[in-house]
Amino acid sequence: MATGVLCVVFAAVLALGQAVAARHRAGGAADLAALAAADRALSGAEAACAAAGRVARAQWAELTTCNLRGEIAEVTVRVRFGPYAPAVRSRAGPPGSLAGAGRSPGAR
């Protein structure tokens, strides 16, 4: 019985580790895709989102949304890792342009 319980605990720990790894991969891919889109923002939304898509695919990820408001790019990327498929949103733009963007008035 103890061996069975240990196997279940071990399987749960492995599943949690895989979920965390998937989330981290998605976060990294989203950050890189957002930076690529922001870098191409002056070329237009189509070019910016195409660059974000190329970067996401290079990270074995899927670009699910890409929005450009001025020079600020906001992307959502999904990574499939085992049974998990987390989607992570990231935003990038010129220095100072993101200060306070998307935050509630009392947030720090």
Protein backbone atom coordinates (compact mmCIF):
# COMPACT_ATOMS: atom_id res chain seq x y z
CA MET A 1 0.00 0.00 0.00
CA ALA A 2 2.82 2.41 0.84
CA THR A 3 4.42 1.74 -2.54
CA GLY A 4 1.16 2.56 -4.29
CA VAL A 5 0.79 5.83 -2.40
CA LEU A 6 4.40 6.78 -3.19
CA CYS A 7 3.80 6.05 -6.89
CA VAL A 8 0.72 8.29 -6.91
CA VAL A 9 2.61 11.10 -5.15
CA PHE A 10 5.54 10.73 -7.55
CA ALA A 11 3.18 10.86 -10.57
CA ALA A 12 1.52 14.00 -9.18
CA VAL A 13 4.90 15.69 -8.69
CA LEU A 14 5.95 14.80 -12.24
CA ALA A 15 2.67 16.15 -13.65
CA LEU A 16 3.08 19.39 -11.71
CA GLY A 17 6.65 19.73 -12.96
CA GLN A 18 5.52 19.23 -16.54
CA ALA A 19 2.79 21.86 -16.13
CA VAL A 20 5.28 24.36 -14.71
CA ALA A 21 7.74 23.67 -17.54
CA ALA A 22 4.97 24.23 -20.11
CA ARG A 23 4.04 27.54 -18.51
CA HIS A 24 7.64 28.73 -18.50
CA ARG A 25 8.15 27.77 -22.15
CA ALA A 26 4.97 29.62 -23.09
CA GLY A 27 6.07 32.69 -21.13
CA GLY A 28 9.45 32.82 -22.81
CA ALA A 29 7.94 32.37 -26.26
CA ALA A 30 5.35 35.09 -25.58
CA ASP A 31 7.98 37.55 -24.39
CA LEU A 32 10.16 36.96 -27.45
CA ALA A 33 7.20 37.21 -29.83
CA ALA A 34 6.05 40.48 -28.23
CA LEU A 35 9.54 41.95 -28.55
CA ALA A 36 9.69 40.91 -32.21
CA ALA A 37 6.31 42.51 -32.90
CA ALA A 38 7.27 45.72 -31.08
CA ASP A 39 10.53 45.84 -33.05
CA ARG A 40 8.54 45.79 -36.32
CA ALA A 41 5.72 48.06 -35.12
CA LEU A 42 6.69 50.93 -37.41
CA SER A 43 6.38 48.60 -40.42
CA GLY A 44 2.69 48.06 -39.71
CA ALA A 45 0.54 45.51 -37.91
CA GLU A 46 0.83 42.86 -40.61
CA ALA A 47 4.64 42.90 -40.63
CA ALA A 48 4.80 43.05 -36.83
CA CYS A 49 2.47 40.10 -36.34
CA ALA A 50 4.28 38.12 -39.05
CA ALA A 51 7.56 38.63 -37.18
CA ALA A 52 5.90 37.58 -33.91
CA GLY A 53 4.55 34.45 -35.60
CA ARG A 54 7.98 33.51 -36.95
CA VAL A 55 9.55 33.92 -33.51
CA ALA A 56 6.77 31.92 -31.84
CA ARG A 57 7.16 29.06 -34.34
CA ALA A 58 10.92 29.07 -33.75
CA GLN A 59 10.11 28.45 -30.06
CA TRP A 60 7.74 25.56 -30.94
CA ALA A 61 4.78 27.73 -29.99
CA GLU A 62 1.62 28.98 -31.66
CA LEU A 63 0.77 32.67 -31.91
CA THR A 64 -2.93 32.87 -31.05
CA THR A 65 -3.45 36.65 -30.94
CA CYS A 66 -1.45 39.68 -31.99
CA ASN A 67 -2.58 43.27 -31.46
CA LEU A 68 -0.66 46.44 -32.17
CA ARG A 69 -1.62 49.82 -30.66
CA GLY A 70 0.83 52.40 -31.86
CA GLU A 71 4.24 51.02 -30.93
CA ILE A 72 2.90 48.67 -28.24
CA ALA A 73 2.53 45.03 -29.22
CA GLU A 74 0.40 42.57 -27.26
CA VAL A 75 0.54 38.89 -28.16
CA THR A 76 -0.80 35.62 -26.81
CA VAL A 77 1.17 32.44 -27.37
CA ARG A 78 0.19 28.83 -26.71
CA VAL A 79 2.69 26.00 -26.18
CA ARG A 80 1.73 22.34 -26.28
CA PHE A 81 3.83 20.32 -23.83
CA GLY A 82 2.51 16.85 -23.10
CA PRO A 83 -1.15 17.10 -22.08
CA TYR A 84 -0.77 20.78 -21.21
CA ALA A 85 -1.31 23.77 -23.52
CA PRO A 86 -0.94 26.99 -21.52
CA ALA A 87 -1.54 30.31 -23.24
CA VAL A 88 0.46 33.32 -22.05
CA ARG A 89 -0.06 36.99 -22.92
CA SER A 90 2.86 39.39 -23.19
CA ARG A 91 3.20 43.06 -24.05
CA ALA A 92 6.21 45.01 -25.33
CA GLY A 93 6.94 48.50 -26.55
CA PRO A 94 9.41 51.37 -26.32
CA PRO A 95 10.85 52.25 -22.91
CA GLY A 96 8.38 54.21 -20.82
CA SER A 97 5.40 53.48 -23.07
CA LEU A 98 4.17 50.63 -20.88
CA ALA A 99 4.28 52.50 -17.58
CA GLY A 100 0.88 52.02 -16.01
CA ALA A 101 -0.61 50.36 -19.11
CA GLY A 102 -3.18 47.78 -18.15
CA ARG A 103 -2.81 48.31 -14.41
CA SER A 104 -5.59 49.14 -12.04
CA PRO A 105 -5.28 52.51 -10.26
CA GLY A 106 -4.19 51.01 -6.93
CA ALA A 107 -1.80 48.38 -8.34
CA ARG A 108 1.93 48.58 -7.84
